[in-house]
Each structure stands twice: as structure tokens, then as C-alpha cells.
Protein backbone atom coordinates (compact mmCIF):
# COMPACT_ATOMS: atom_id res chain seq x y z
CA UNK A 1 112.71 131.15 111.60
CA UNK A 2 114.84 130.27 107.91
CA UNK A 3 112.06 129.72 105.20
CA UNK A 4 113.35 127.77 102.38
CA UNK A 5 111.28 127.89 99.33
CA UNK A 6 111.12 125.35 96.13
CA UNK A 7 109.28 124.77 93.27
CA UNK A 8 108.35 121.90 90.85
CA UNK A 9 110.27 120.47 88.11
CA UNK A 10 109.87 123.22 85.41
CA UNK A 11 111.46 126.25 85.19
CA UNK A 12 109.73 129.21 83.28
CA UNK A 13 112.52 131.32 83.26
CA UNK A 14 115.03 129.13 81.93
CA UNK A 15 114.02 128.35 78.22
CA UNK A 16 114.31 125.19 76.58
CA UNK A 17 114.97 123.09 79.61
CA UNK A 18 112.10 120.73 79.93
CA UNK A 19 112.99 117.56 82.16
CA UNK A 20 110.21 115.95 80.91
CA UNK A 21 110.19 115.33 77.06
CA UNK A 22 108.52 112.08 76.49
CA UNK A 23 108.47 109.71 73.76
CA UNK A 24 105.20 107.59 73.79
CA UNK A 25 104.43 104.28 73.43
CA UNK A 26 102.72 104.47 70.43
CA UNK A 27 105.86 106.64 68.90
CA UNK A 28 108.09 103.80 70.22
CA UNK A 29 106.01 100.89 68.29
CA UNK A 30 106.07 102.49 65.03
CA UNK A 31 109.76 102.89 65.68
CA UNK A 32 110.71 99.51 66.91
CA UNK A 33 108.44 97.97 63.98
CA UNK A 34 111.33 98.80 61.67
CA UNK A 35 114.19 99.32 63.70
CA UNK A 36 114.10 98.33 67.42
CA UNK A 37 117.41 99.42 68.45
CA UNK A 38 116.69 102.93 67.04
CA UNK A 39 113.45 102.54 68.48
CA UNK A 40 115.68 102.50 72.17
CA UNK A 41 118.38 104.51 70.86
CA UNK A 42 115.63 107.54 70.41
CA UNK A 43 114.06 106.89 73.70
CA UNK A 44 117.58 106.84 75.17
CA UNK A 45 118.30 110.40 73.82
CA UNK A 46 115.47 111.83 75.16
CA UNK A 47 116.04 110.67 78.61
CA UNK A 48 119.65 111.78 78.54
CA UNK A 49 118.30 115.30 77.21
CA UNK A 50 115.79 115.62 80.33
CA UNK A 51 118.89 114.97 82.27
CA UNK A 52 120.79 117.34 81.37
CA UNK A 53 118.39 119.99 81.37
CA UNK A 54 117.86 118.71 84.77
CA UNK A 55 121.44 119.79 85.68
CA UNK A 56 120.60 122.73 83.80
CA UNK A 57 117.57 123.65 86.11
CA UNK A 58 120.04 122.72 89.41
CA UNK A 59 122.48 125.28 88.15
CA UNK A 60 119.32 127.82 87.79
CA UNK A 61 118.42 126.92 91.31
CA UNK A 62 121.86 127.46 92.52
CA UNK A 63 122.36 130.90 90.62
CA UNK A 64 119.44 132.08 92.81
CA UNK A 65 119.81 130.55 96.02
CA UNK A 66 116.78 127.58 95.73
CA UNK A 67 117.99 125.17 97.64
CA UNK A 68 114.91 122.86 97.70
CA UNK A 69 113.41 121.30 94.16
CA UNK A 70 111.35 118.67 93.03
CA UNK A 71 112.40 116.22 89.83
CA UNK A 72 110.00 115.67 87.10
CA UNK A 73 108.74 111.91 87.58
CA UNK A 74 108.79 111.98 83.73
CA UNK A 75 112.58 111.80 83.30
CA UNK A 76 113.02 108.31 81.97
CA UNK A 77 110.36 108.12 79.35
CA UNK A 78 108.83 104.20 79.27
CA UNK A 79 111.01 103.76 82.27
CA UNK A 80 108.63 101.21 83.62
CA UNK A 81 106.82 100.33 80.63
CA UNK A 82 107.04 96.29 80.06
CA UNK A 83 107.62 96.57 76.36
CA UNK A 84 111.19 97.93 77.99
CA UNK A 85 112.10 95.82 80.80
CA UNK A 86 115.17 94.57 79.49
CA UNK A 87 116.50 98.11 78.90
CA UNK A 88 119.08 98.64 81.96
CA UNK A 89 118.86 102.70 81.90
CA UNK A 90 120.44 102.86 85.44
CA UNK A 91 123.74 101.80 83.73
CA UNK A 92 123.00 103.65 80.30
CA UNK A 93 122.63 107.13 82.31
CA UNK A 94 124.89 106.47 84.92
CA UNK A 95 127.40 109.19 84.37
CA UNK A 96 124.59 111.69 83.85
CA UNK A 97 122.61 110.25 87.02
CA UNK A 98 125.48 110.65 89.36
CA UNK A 99 126.79 114.04 87.62
CA UNK A 100 123.65 115.30 89.23
CA UNK A 101 123.79 113.45 92.67
CA UNK A 102 127.02 114.84 92.83
CA UNK A 103 125.87 118.42 92.10
CA UNK A 104 123.18 117.91 94.96
CA UNK A 105 125.50 116.86 97.26
CA UNK A 106 127.71 119.27 96.53
CA UNK A 107 125.02 122.50 96.79
CA UNK A 108 123.13 120.94 99.58
CA UNK A 109 120.32 121.13 97.60
CA UNK A 110 116.85 119.21 99.51
CA UNK A 111 115.46 117.30 96.46
CA UNK A 112 112.39 114.79 95.79
CA UNK A 113 109.92 112.71 93.47
CA UNK A 114 106.35 113.01 94.14
CA UNK A 115 104.91 109.89 91.91
CA UNK A 116 102.13 110.40 90.11
CA UNK A 117 98.63 109.89 91.32
CA UNK A 118 97.93 106.15 90.58
CA UNK A 119 100.93 105.42 93.18
CA UNK A 120 98.18 103.57 95.33
CA UNK A 121 99.42 101.20 98.26
CA UNK A 122 96.29 100.76 99.61
CA UNK A 123 94.66 99.79 96.93
CA UNK A 124 92.57 96.78 97.10
CA UNK A 125 93.98 95.45 93.55
CA UNK A 126 97.19 93.52 93.50
CA UNK A 127 97.76 94.30 90.17
CA UNK A 128 97.62 98.15 90.84
CA UNK A 129 99.56 97.46 94.55
CA UNK A 130 102.19 95.39 92.12
CA UNK A 131 102.61 98.44 89.88
CA UNK A 132 102.71 101.34 92.49
CA UNK A 133 105.42 99.13 94.05
CA UNK A 134 107.50 99.12 90.60
CA UNK A 135 107.29 102.85 90.17
CA UNK A 136 108.27 103.54 93.25
CA UNK A 137 110.97 101.30 93.00
CA UNK A 138 111.74 103.05 89.96
CA UNK A 139 112.12 106.31 91.74
CA UNK A 140 114.29 104.86 94.18
CA UNK A 141 117.12 103.43 91.64
CA UNK A 142 117.05 106.83 90.16
CA UNK A 143 117.93 108.18 93.74
CA UNK A 144 120.06 105.17 94.29
CA UNK A 145 122.06 105.82 90.76
CA UNK A 146 122.45 109.92 91.85
CA UNK A 147 124.33 108.37 95.13
CA UNK A 148 121.92 110.29 97.33
CA UNK A 149 120.57 109.32 100.77
CA UNK A 150 117.49 108.80 102.14
CA UNK A 151 116.94 112.61 102.74
CA UNK A 152 115.99 112.71 99.23
CA UNK A 153 112.39 111.47 99.44
CA UNK A 154 109.10 110.64 97.69
CA UNK A 155 106.04 112.24 98.25
CA UNK A 156 102.73 109.73 98.18
CA UNK A 157 99.27 110.39 98.64
CA UNK A 158 97.40 108.06 100.70
CA UNK A 159 95.24 106.70 98.15
CA UNK A 160 91.80 106.13 97.25
CA UNK A 161 88.84 106.05 99.86
CA UNK A 162 87.12 103.02 98.24
CA UNK A 163 83.87 104.43 99.94
CA UNK A 164 85.15 103.21 103.17
CA UNK A 165 88.64 105.43 104.67
CA UNK A 166 88.88 103.31 107.55
CA UNK A 167 88.87 100.17 105.77
CA UNK A 168 91.39 101.93 103.15
CA UNK A 169 93.63 103.62 106.10
CA UNK A 170 93.90 99.92 107.57
CA UNK A 171 94.86 98.31 104.20
CA UNK A 172 97.26 100.87 103.96
CA UNK A 173 98.79 99.82 107.32
CA UNK A 174 98.91 96.15 106.23
CA UNK A 175 100.32 96.78 102.79
CA UNK A 176 103.19 98.73 104.53
CA UNK A 177 104.53 95.57 105.71
CA UNK A 178 104.88 94.47 101.69
CA UNK A 179 106.68 97.71 100.82
CA UNK A 180 110.33 97.16 100.09
CA UNK A 181 112.62 98.56 102.98
CA UNK A 182 114.76 100.36 100.81
CA UNK A 183 111.95 101.80 99.28
CA UNK A 184 109.75 102.34 102.93
CA UNK A 185 112.87 104.65 103.79
CA UNK A 186 112.29 107.32 101.42
CA UNK A 187 108.60 107.61 101.62
CA UNK A 188 106.63 110.86 103.29
CA UNK A 189 102.81 111.05 102.92
CA UNK A 190 100.98 114.04 102.12
CA UNK A 191 97.15 114.87 103.07
CA UNK A 192 95.10 115.24 100.09
CA UNK A 193 92.39 118.00 98.58
CA UNK A 194 89.38 115.25 98.31
CA UNK A 195 90.08 111.93 100.51
CA UNK A 196 92.51 111.74 103.97
CA UNK A 197 92.44 115.11 106.06
CA UNK A 198 95.86 116.18 107.52
CA UNK A 199 94.30 114.62 111.03
CA UNK A 200 93.98 111.45 109.15
CA UNK A 201 97.44 111.19 107.07
CA UNK A 202 99.04 112.33 110.65
CA UNK A 203 97.52 109.72 112.72
CA UNK A 204 98.83 107.17 110.02
CA UNK A 205 102.10 108.81 109.80
CA UNK A 206 102.62 108.28 113.65
CA UNK A 207 101.45 104.79 113.38
CA UNK A 208 103.86 104.05 110.71
CA UNK A 209 106.93 106.31 112.11
CA UNK A 210 106.73 108.67 108.58
CA UNK A 211 107.14 111.99 108.12
CA UNK A 212 104.16 114.05 106.93
CA UNK A 213 104.42 116.63 104.15
CA UNK A 214 101.63 119.14 105.15
CA UNK A 215 99.69 120.53 102.19
CA UNK A 216 98.10 123.86 103.35
CA UNK A 217 95.69 124.10 100.60
CA UNK A 218 94.41 121.02 100.92
CA UNK A 219 93.81 121.21 104.26
CA UNK A 220 91.78 123.95 103.46
CA UNK A 221 89.90 122.04 100.92
CA UNK A 222 89.57 118.92 103.18
CA UNK A 223 89.26 119.36 106.67
CA UNK A 224 87.01 117.78 109.36
CA UNK A 225 87.61 120.81 112.13
CA UNK A 226 90.65 120.41 113.30
CA UNK A 227 93.07 123.24 113.48
CA UNK A 228 96.35 123.99 111.60
CA UNK A 229 97.79 125.35 115.38
CA UNK A 230 96.26 122.06 117.14
CA UNK A 231 98.14 119.68 114.65
CA UNK A 232 101.21 121.59 113.44
CA UNK A 233 103.66 120.31 116.20
CA UNK A 234 102.86 117.12 115.90
CA UNK A 235 103.41 117.48 112.01
CA UNK A 236 106.67 118.96 112.57
CA UNK A 237 107.57 115.99 114.81
CA UNK A 238 107.50 113.58 112.30
CA UNK A 239 110.19 114.86 110.71
CA UNK A 240 112.76 114.36 113.98
CA UNK A 241 114.10 110.97 113.07
CA UNK A 242 114.68 112.02 109.40
CA UNK A 243 116.95 114.69 110.66
CA UNK A 244 115.25 117.08 108.00
CA UNK A 245 113.13 120.40 108.36
CA UNK A 246 109.37 120.14 108.07
CA UNK A 247 108.68 120.30 104.72
CA UNK A 248 104.92 121.90 103.62
CA UNK A 249 103.52 122.83 100.59
CA UNK A 250 101.90 125.83 99.03
CA UNK A 251 99.52 126.78 96.26
CA UNK A 252 96.31 129.38 95.90
CA UNK A 253 92.98 128.11 94.59
CA UNK A 254 92.33 129.02 90.91
CA UNK A 255 89.18 130.52 91.47
CA UNK A 256 86.10 130.62 94.22
CA UNK A 257 84.15 128.27 91.57
CA UNK A 258 87.37 126.02 91.34
CA UNK A 259 89.08 125.91 94.67
CA UNK A 260 90.94 122.78 94.41
CA UNK A 261 92.90 123.56 91.32
CA UNK A 262 95.91 125.58 91.39
CA UNK A 263 96.64 129.31 90.57
CA UNK A 264 98.97 130.39 88.35
CA UNK A 265 100.72 132.05 91.16
CA UNK A 266 100.04 132.22 95.31
CA UNK A 267 98.41 135.12 97.11
CA UNK A 268 100.62 135.34 100.02
CA UNK A 269 97.67 136.00 102.30
CA UNK A 270 97.32 132.26 101.78
CA UNK A 271 100.46 131.31 103.70
CA UNK A 272 101.28 134.28 105.88
CA UNK A 273 99.25 132.89 108.90
CA UNK A 274 100.28 129.84 108.75
CA UNK A 275 103.64 131.05 108.77
CA UNK A 276 103.05 133.00 112.24
CA UNK A 277 102.00 129.68 113.77
CA UNK A 278 105.14 127.76 112.44
CA UNK A 279 107.26 130.51 113.98
CA UNK A 280 105.88 129.32 117.17
CA UNK A 281 107.71 126.21 116.77
CA UNK A 282 110.92 127.74 116.79
CA UNK A 283 112.06 125.19 113.68
CA UNK A 284 113.46 126.20 110.39
CA UNK A 285 110.87 125.13 107.75
CA UNK A 286 110.91 124.13 103.99
CA UNK A 287 107.95 125.14 101.30
CA UNK A 288 107.41 123.81 98.42
CA UNK A 289 105.29 126.39 95.87
CA UNK A 290 102.70 124.43 93.73
CA UNK A 291 101.50 126.77 90.85
CA UNK A 292 101.85 127.07 87.28
CA UNK A 293 104.25 129.84 86.97
CA UNK A 294 106.84 127.69 88.87
CA UNK A 295 110.03 129.48 89.79
CA UNK A 296 108.58 132.76 88.72
CA UNK A 297 105.72 131.93 91.27
CA UNK A 298 107.82 131.22 93.64
CA UNK A 299 110.09 134.42 93.63
CA UNK A 300 107.06 136.51 93.06
CA UNK A 301 105.65 134.94 96.55
CA UNK A 302 109.52 135.63 98.57
CA UNK A 303 109.16 138.98 96.97
CA UNK A 304 105.60 139.97 98.24
CA UNK A 305 106.05 138.31 101.78
CA UNK A 306 109.29 139.96 102.54
CA UNK A 307 106.85 143.28 102.25
CA UNK A 308 104.71 141.33 105.78
CA UNK A 309 105.45 142.34 109.25
CA UNK A 310 108.70 140.52 111.04
CA UNK A 311 109.51 139.03 107.24
CA UNK A 312 112.89 139.39 106.12
CA UNK A 313 114.42 138.88 102.83
CA UNK A 314 117.23 135.86 102.87
CA UNK A 315 117.61 135.86 99.29
CA UNK A 316 115.84 135.14 96.12
CA UNK A 317 114.52 131.99 97.49
CA UNK A 318 114.44 132.02 101.38
CA UNK A 319 112.92 134.62 104.26
CA UNK A 320 113.64 135.05 107.82
CA UNK A 321 110.20 135.05 110.09
CA UNK A 322 112.24 137.04 113.23
């Protein structure tokens, strides 16, 4: 079983390469009061710097054999803000986006976005639902501009429980019919650490024929007694239609008292038992490391696990479980 590892957005190893520099609306507004064109130029310049840094990060990944990466959702400042609705950022940044997409395809890197927690497809509020669809559409526009197919995914949570999880799950299914097809085809759903368990998300994904991302740390925070061994084969199967290896998230708790928060690094003991279960499926898998130390934590985890029984190194960012 080949296990590929990736990290989220930022590198702590590569210096001065943030893909998430921002221009606040307050800053934009102050500049726009004097010169609207100059204000937009500031936003455009920051976006271009973010995209150039994203390309630097992808080159960093290639150098170390990292074939799994999550783009920053803050890559284009103020992209969905109503005050900049006339800004065609896709047209302005077309060359940079196409270059990134070309690099991703050439190097066979599996990429994704993880829109922020305010993206709630099961919201009972129409305004929130429309804002969520707008944000998802923005992410899809970026991937489309990169000329990446539906293997590039948007990972979302089910949403809020709203004091009644059963109704909240049904509302997700009802609202799903309102999700434009080009967005729906890129969605995968992840279990969360407070509301919807892995089993509940699996049932939802099976009902809507969606791939599921199993977050192992979230499972430990929030489950109803379902075993990983019991649900893992079905979780893996949700990716068959997408033609991609099953994808998982791993992190370690910050502390016993703050169990839900992420640690700087990942304790290999938090992942190794899962890998033994996954090995029984006889599938390659991809694992996204969600740790404060980003790529440094990912590389450390790979090195640590390479010393465990039946595990061999397959490079800086991959392992083989014999």
C-alpha cells in the first residue's frame, strides 16, 4: 500500500512564500476613497503575489516529492466581496492561474480547496445558503481557470446541527438539488469534530453519491461508537466513482484539555493503528496532515512512521506499508 502525504497551504520551511496575504476591506475602502483604481491595483498585486507564492510552494513540493497539497482559500483577497463584484479577477490573473494548473498536471499533484467554516449548505437561512453557493462557485472558478478537472476537489463539512441533526441532514439533501452541477461535481464531504459523526457523513455521502474525506482526529472527538474498521471499507468505496485514492485527514490533539485543537506536530501513534486497518483494503491512500507546523510536521511524521513495523520510506513524503 502506497501512502502519500500532503500539507495545508503554508510552508514553514520555504521562507517568504505566503499564499494568503490579504487586503482588508477597511484598507481597500480607505484607498478607494482617494483613488479607486489604485485600491483595486493593490488588491490585484496582492493576489498576483499569492499566486506566484503558490507556484513557489508547488515547486518546493516537487523537489521533495509531495504530491498532495491544499490551496489557500485566501489566495484572491476580497474576491467575493460585493464592493468588488465588477472585478474580473479570473481574466486579470488568467496567466498565473493557467501556469499553476499546468504545473499541477505536469507533476501529477492532487490538489484541493477547503472553503471556510461559514460555507453551510444545510443552513435554514436563504442568505447564508446563497453566500455559501457563491463562495463555492468562486473556488470552482479558480480550479476551472487552472484548467483542472474534477479530480481537484472542494472539501466541505456538512454544516451546522441547528439543534436537530436529523432535520439538518435532510435540509442538506434538499439544498443539494440547488447546487449547480459544476460545483456539485467537485464536492467531497468531511466528518467534523462536534456535530456530524463519520457514520452520519458516510450515510449522507452514500445517499448523494459523494466521496467522503474521513478525518481521523475528528472521528476520535465525535463518534457514537462506530468502529473505524467497520466504516473504513465503505468510506474507501465512496471514492471509486471519482477514480481517486481515498483521502484522509490526520492531526493530533493540542493537549488532553484541548483535545479538539491541532498540535504543532502529529504523533505517529495517532496514525499507525489506522494505517494497519487501511492496509487490509489493499488500496493506495492519500493523507493530508493538518498540523500547525505544516510541511515540517508532515516530513517529521513520514520519518517517524518509517521506523514502525512493516513500514518503509518511499521518499520524503510517501511510505509503503508492506
